């Protein structure tokens, strides 16, 4: 069992827009043994890396991360429908 938590890095937000600037499309996904999803405000959500065509869940956040193909992930809320 592992603990998944949401972390925020307020003091350091640096993206293509410049230090301290954010945009709602500034979300990022990184794979570092696990999947780290970062949003424009500096929140970092850690998901276990799912196997291909499998799902990783953050129950406390109500989020699912589906691995649907090579370098292709879908992040969605519980009960949200994904249409291809």
Protein backbone atom coordinates (compact mmCIF):
# COMPACT_ATOMS: atom_id res chain seq x y z
CA UNK A 1 0.00 0.00 0.00
CA UNK A 2 1.33 3.41 -0.89
CA UNK A 3 0.16 6.85 0.10
CA UNK A 4 -0.79 9.23 -2.68
CA UNK A 5 -0.98 12.91 -1.93
CA UNK A 6 -1.40 16.26 -3.58
CA UNK A 7 1.55 18.61 -3.25
CA UNK A 8 1.77 22.26 -4.12
CA UNK A 9 4.90 24.20 -5.02
CA UNK A 10 3.82 27.81 -4.64
CA UNK A 11 7.28 29.32 -4.48
CA UNK A 12 8.45 27.93 -7.79
CA UNK A 13 6.20 28.09 -10.84
CA UNK A 14 8.32 28.42 -13.94
CA UNK A 15 6.99 27.46 -17.35
CA UNK A 16 7.18 28.65 -20.95
CA UNK A 17 5.28 31.83 -19.99
CA UNK A 18 7.99 32.89 -17.54
CA UNK A 19 8.55 32.69 -13.79
CA UNK A 20 5.33 33.10 -11.81
CA UNK A 21 2.97 33.24 -14.81
CA UNK A 22 0.33 30.55 -15.30
CA UNK A 23 -2.30 29.54 -17.79
CA UNK A 24 -5.10 26.95 -17.60
CA UNK A 25 -3.44 25.02 -20.44
CA UNK A 26 -0.18 24.69 -18.50
CA UNK A 27 -0.88 21.13 -17.34
CA UNK A 28 1.98 18.65 -17.61
CA UNK A 29 2.41 14.90 -17.27
CA UNK A 30 5.75 13.29 -16.36
CA UNK A 31 6.68 9.64 -15.92
CA UNK A 32 9.25 9.10 -13.17
CA UNK A 33 8.53 5.56 -11.94
CA UNK A 34 5.05 6.89 -11.34
CA UNK A 35 2.91 9.35 -13.28
CA UNK A 36 3.04 12.95 -12.03
CA UNK A 37 0.29 15.28 -13.24
CA UNK A 38 0.95 19.00 -12.62
CA UNK A 39 -1.52 21.83 -13.14
CA UNK A 40 -1.12 25.55 -13.72
CA UNK A 41 -1.18 26.38 -10.00
CA UNK A 42 1.69 24.05 -9.13
CA UNK A 43 -0.39 21.16 -7.78
CA UNK A 44 1.26 17.76 -8.30
CA UNK A 45 -0.81 14.57 -8.28
CA UNK A 46 1.01 11.23 -8.17
CA UNK A 47 -0.52 8.15 -9.80
CA UNK A 48 0.88 4.63 -9.84
CA UNK A 49 2.06 3.87 -13.39
CA UNK A 50 -0.68 1.67 -14.89
CA UNK A 51 0.03 -1.14 -17.33
CA UNK A 52 -1.02 -0.62 -20.94
CA UNK A 53 -4.85 -0.50 -21.24
CA UNK A 54 -5.19 -0.33 -17.46
CA UNK A 55 -6.26 2.36 -15.00
CA UNK A 56 -4.73 4.02 -11.98
CA UNK A 57 -7.06 5.72 -9.51
CA UNK A 58 -6.83 8.48 -6.92
CA UNK A 59 -9.90 7.67 -4.87
CA UNK A 60 -9.59 10.69 -2.54
CA UNK A 61 -9.53 13.03 -5.60
CA UNK A 62 -12.10 11.10 -7.65
CA UNK A 63 -9.69 10.88 -10.59
CA UNK A 64 -8.79 8.08 -13.00
CA UNK A 65 -5.73 7.89 -15.24
CA UNK A 66 -6.13 5.49 -18.17
CA UNK A 67 -3.10 4.34 -20.17
CA UNK A 68 -4.59 3.86 -23.63
CA UNK A 69 -1.53 3.65 -25.89
CA UNK A 70 2.15 4.41 -26.27
CA UNK A 71 2.69 7.76 -24.50
CA UNK A 72 -1.08 8.34 -24.42
CA UNK A 73 -2.96 8.84 -21.15
CA UNK A 74 -6.49 10.03 -20.37
CA UNK A 75 -7.17 11.84 -17.09
CA UNK A 76 -10.84 11.96 -16.11
CA UNK A 77 -13.10 12.34 -13.12
CA UNK A 78 -15.19 9.46 -11.80
CA UNK A 79 -18.31 8.89 -13.95
CA UNK A 80 -16.95 11.11 -16.74
CA UNK A 81 -17.37 9.59 -20.20
CA UNK A 82 -14.47 9.69 -22.67
CA UNK A 83 -15.42 9.72 -26.35
CA UNK A 84 -12.71 9.00 -28.92
